[in-house]
Amino acid sequence: MEEINLAELSDQQLLELAGKMKKSAIMHALVIGFMVGVVFYSVVESTWGLLTLIPLYFIRKLVANSDQYDEVKRLLKERNLR
């Protein structure tokens, strides 16, 4: 995936990107919630192993990717678009 320089995007492109990212943020929240449920079940049933570690890894990756969404929100606020 190619890197996008957010500061160079036009207002319209930035608004479109924010809309797409908002939809993906909702989906990420659902996936993270499901994975937390899997980890919780694993802990309750005392089955530590891949069933616990794999969701924790993906949760960390999804949360780390949210930095770009924060940057888009900051740019929208700077440009008074929302």
C-alpha atoms as a PDB file:
ATOM      1  CA  MET A   1       0.000   0.000   0.000  1.00  0.00           C
ATOM      2  CA  GLU A   2       1.452   3.329  -0.997  1.00  0.00           C
ATOM      3  CA  GLU A   3       1.954   6.081   1.540  1.00  0.00           C
ATOM      4  CA  ILE A   4      -0.347   9.090   1.187  1.00  0.00           C
ATOM      5  CA  ASN A   5       0.856  12.555   2.136  1.00  0.00           C
ATOM      6  CA  LEU A   6      -2.252  13.843   3.882  1.00  0.00           C
ATOM      7  CA  ALA A   7      -1.183  17.494   3.880  1.00  0.00           C
ATOM      8  CA  GLU A   8      -1.139  17.553   0.060  1.00  0.00           C
ATOM      9  CA  LEU A   9      -4.726  16.298  -0.340  1.00  0.00           C
ATOM     10  CA  SER A  10      -7.450  18.711  -1.428  1.00  0.00           C
ATOM     11  CA  ASP A  11     -10.358  19.433   0.897  1.00  0.00           C
ATOM     12  CA  GLN A  12     -12.685  17.160  -1.074  1.00  0.00           C
ATOM     13  CA  GLN A  13     -10.184  14.290  -1.110  1.00  0.00           C
ATOM     14  CA  LEU A  14      -9.618  14.704   2.626  1.00  0.00           C
ATOM     15  CA  LEU A  15     -13.360  14.576   3.320  1.00  0.00           C
ATOM     16  CA  GLU A  16     -13.720  11.429   1.188  1.00  0.00           C
ATOM     17  CA  LEU A  17     -10.801   9.797   2.993  1.00  0.00           C
ATOM     18  CA  ALA A  18     -12.297  10.708   6.368  1.00  0.00           C
ATOM     19  CA  GLY A  19     -15.594   9.085   5.364  1.00  0.00           C
ATOM     20  CA  LYS A  20     -13.863   5.877   4.319  1.00  0.00           C
ATOM     21  CA  MET A  21     -11.762   5.839   7.474  1.00  0.00           C
ATOM     22  CA  LYS A  22     -14.828   6.364   9.669  1.00  0.00           C
ATOM     23  CA  LYS A  23     -16.471   3.285   8.155  1.00  0.00           C
ATOM     24  CA  SER A  24     -13.307   1.247   8.632  1.00  0.00           C
ATOM     25  CA  ALA A  25     -12.975   2.491  12.222  1.00  0.00           C
ATOM     26  CA  ILE A  26     -16.431   1.108  12.986  1.00  0.00           C
ATOM     27  CA  MET A  27     -15.473  -2.228  11.432  1.00  0.00           C
ATOM     28  CA  HIS A  28     -12.203  -2.269  13.393  1.00  0.00           C
ATOM     29  CA  ALA A  29     -14.143  -1.673  16.605  1.00  0.00           C
ATOM     30  CA  LEU A  30     -16.385  -4.654  15.858  1.00  0.00           C
ATOM     31  CA  VAL A  31     -13.423  -6.894  15.046  1.00  0.00           C
ATOM     32  CA  ILE A  32     -11.542  -5.769  18.164  1.00  0.00           C
ATOM     33  CA  GLY A  33     -14.622  -6.448  20.282  1.00  0.00           C
ATOM     34  CA  PHE A  34     -14.916  -9.944  18.853  1.00  0.00           C
ATOM     35  CA  MET A  35     -11.226 -10.629  19.465  1.00  0.00           C
ATOM     36  CA  VAL A  36     -11.462  -9.348  23.049  1.00  0.00           C
ATOM     37  CA  GLY A  37     -14.333 -11.796  23.515  1.00  0.00           C
ATOM     38  CA  VAL A  38     -12.174 -14.641  22.205  1.00  0.00           C
ATOM     39  CA  VAL A  39      -9.340 -13.674  24.558  1.00  0.00           C
ATOM     40  CA  PHE A  40     -11.770 -13.371  27.487  1.00  0.00           C
ATOM     41  CA  TYR A  41     -13.209 -16.813  26.724  1.00  0.00           C
ATOM     42  CA  SER A  42      -9.695 -18.219  26.471  1.00  0.00           C
ATOM     43  CA  VAL A  43      -8.739 -16.779  29.852  1.00  0.00           C
ATOM     44  CA  VAL A  44     -11.941 -18.000  31.530  1.00  0.00           C
ATOM     45  CA  GLU A  45     -11.463 -21.509  30.156  1.00  0.00           C
ATOM     46  CA  SER A  46      -7.748 -21.441  31.119  1.00  0.00           C
ATOM     47  CA  THR A  47      -6.597 -22.216  27.582  1.00  0.00           C
ATOM     48  CA  TRP A  48      -3.591 -19.976  27.116  1.00  0.00           C
ATOM     49  CA  GLY A  49      -1.905 -20.424  23.779  1.00  0.00           C
ATOM     50  CA  LEU A  50      -2.470 -19.402  20.180  1.00  0.00           C
ATOM     51  CA  LEU A  51      -6.156 -18.816  20.846  1.00  0.00           C
ATOM     52  CA  THR A  52      -5.071 -15.997  23.162  1.00  0.00           C
ATOM     53  CA  LEU A  53      -1.936 -14.704  21.475  1.00  0.00           C
ATOM     54  CA  ILE A  54      -3.157 -14.357  17.880  1.00  0.00           C
ATOM     55  CA  PRO A  55      -6.091 -12.039  18.709  1.00  0.00           C
ATOM     56  CA  LEU A  56      -3.851  -9.958  20.979  1.00  0.00           C
ATOM     57  CA  TYR A  57      -1.395  -9.489  18.111  1.00  0.00           C
ATOM     58  CA  PHE A  58      -4.135  -8.389  15.693  1.00  0.00           C
ATOM     59  CA  ILE A  59      -5.681  -6.063  18.266  1.00  0.00           C
ATOM     60  CA  ARG A  60      -2.307  -4.359  18.668  1.00  0.00           C
ATOM     61  CA  LYS A  61      -1.934  -3.996  14.878  1.00  0.00           C
ATOM     62  CA  LEU A  62      -5.439  -2.517  14.465  1.00  0.00           C
ATOM     63  CA  VAL A  63      -4.933  -0.024  17.288  1.00  0.00           C
ATOM     64  CA  ALA A  64      -1.549   1.029  15.901  1.00  0.00           C
ATOM     65  CA  ASN A  65      -3.132   1.777  12.506  1.00  0.00           C
ATOM     66  CA  SER A  66      -5.526   4.281  14.064  1.00  0.00           C
ATOM     67  CA  ASP A  67      -2.794   6.963  14.114  1.00  0.00           C
ATOM     68  CA  GLN A  68      -3.528   7.910  10.496  1.00  0.00           C
ATOM     69  CA  TYR A  69      -7.208   8.454  11.334  1.00  0.00           C
ATOM     70  CA  ASP A  70      -6.199  10.818  14.145  1.00  0.00           C
ATOM     71  CA  GLU A  71      -4.021  12.741  11.678  1.00  0.00           C
ATOM     72  CA  VAL A  72      -6.943  13.067   9.233  1.00  0.00           C
ATOM     73  CA  LYS A  73      -9.197  14.367  12.019  1.00  0.00           C
ATOM     74  CA  ARG A  74      -6.531  16.910  12.999  1.00  0.00           C
ATOM     75  CA  LEU A  75      -6.223  18.139   9.407  1.00  0.00           C
ATOM     76  CA  LEU A  76     -10.004  18.434   9.083  1.00  0.00           C
ATOM     77  CA  LYS A  77     -10.095  20.547  12.226  1.00  0.00           C
ATOM     78  CA  GLU A  78      -7.229  22.741  10.995  1.00  0.00           C
ATOM     79  CA  ARG A  79      -9.017  23.386   7.704  1.00  0.00           C
ATOM     80  CA  ASN A  80     -12.368  23.959   9.444  1.00  0.00           C
ATOM     81  CA  LEU A  81     -14.039  21.263   7.373  1.00  0.00           C
ATOM     82  CA  ARG A  82     -16.026  19.716  10.208  1.00  0.00           C
END
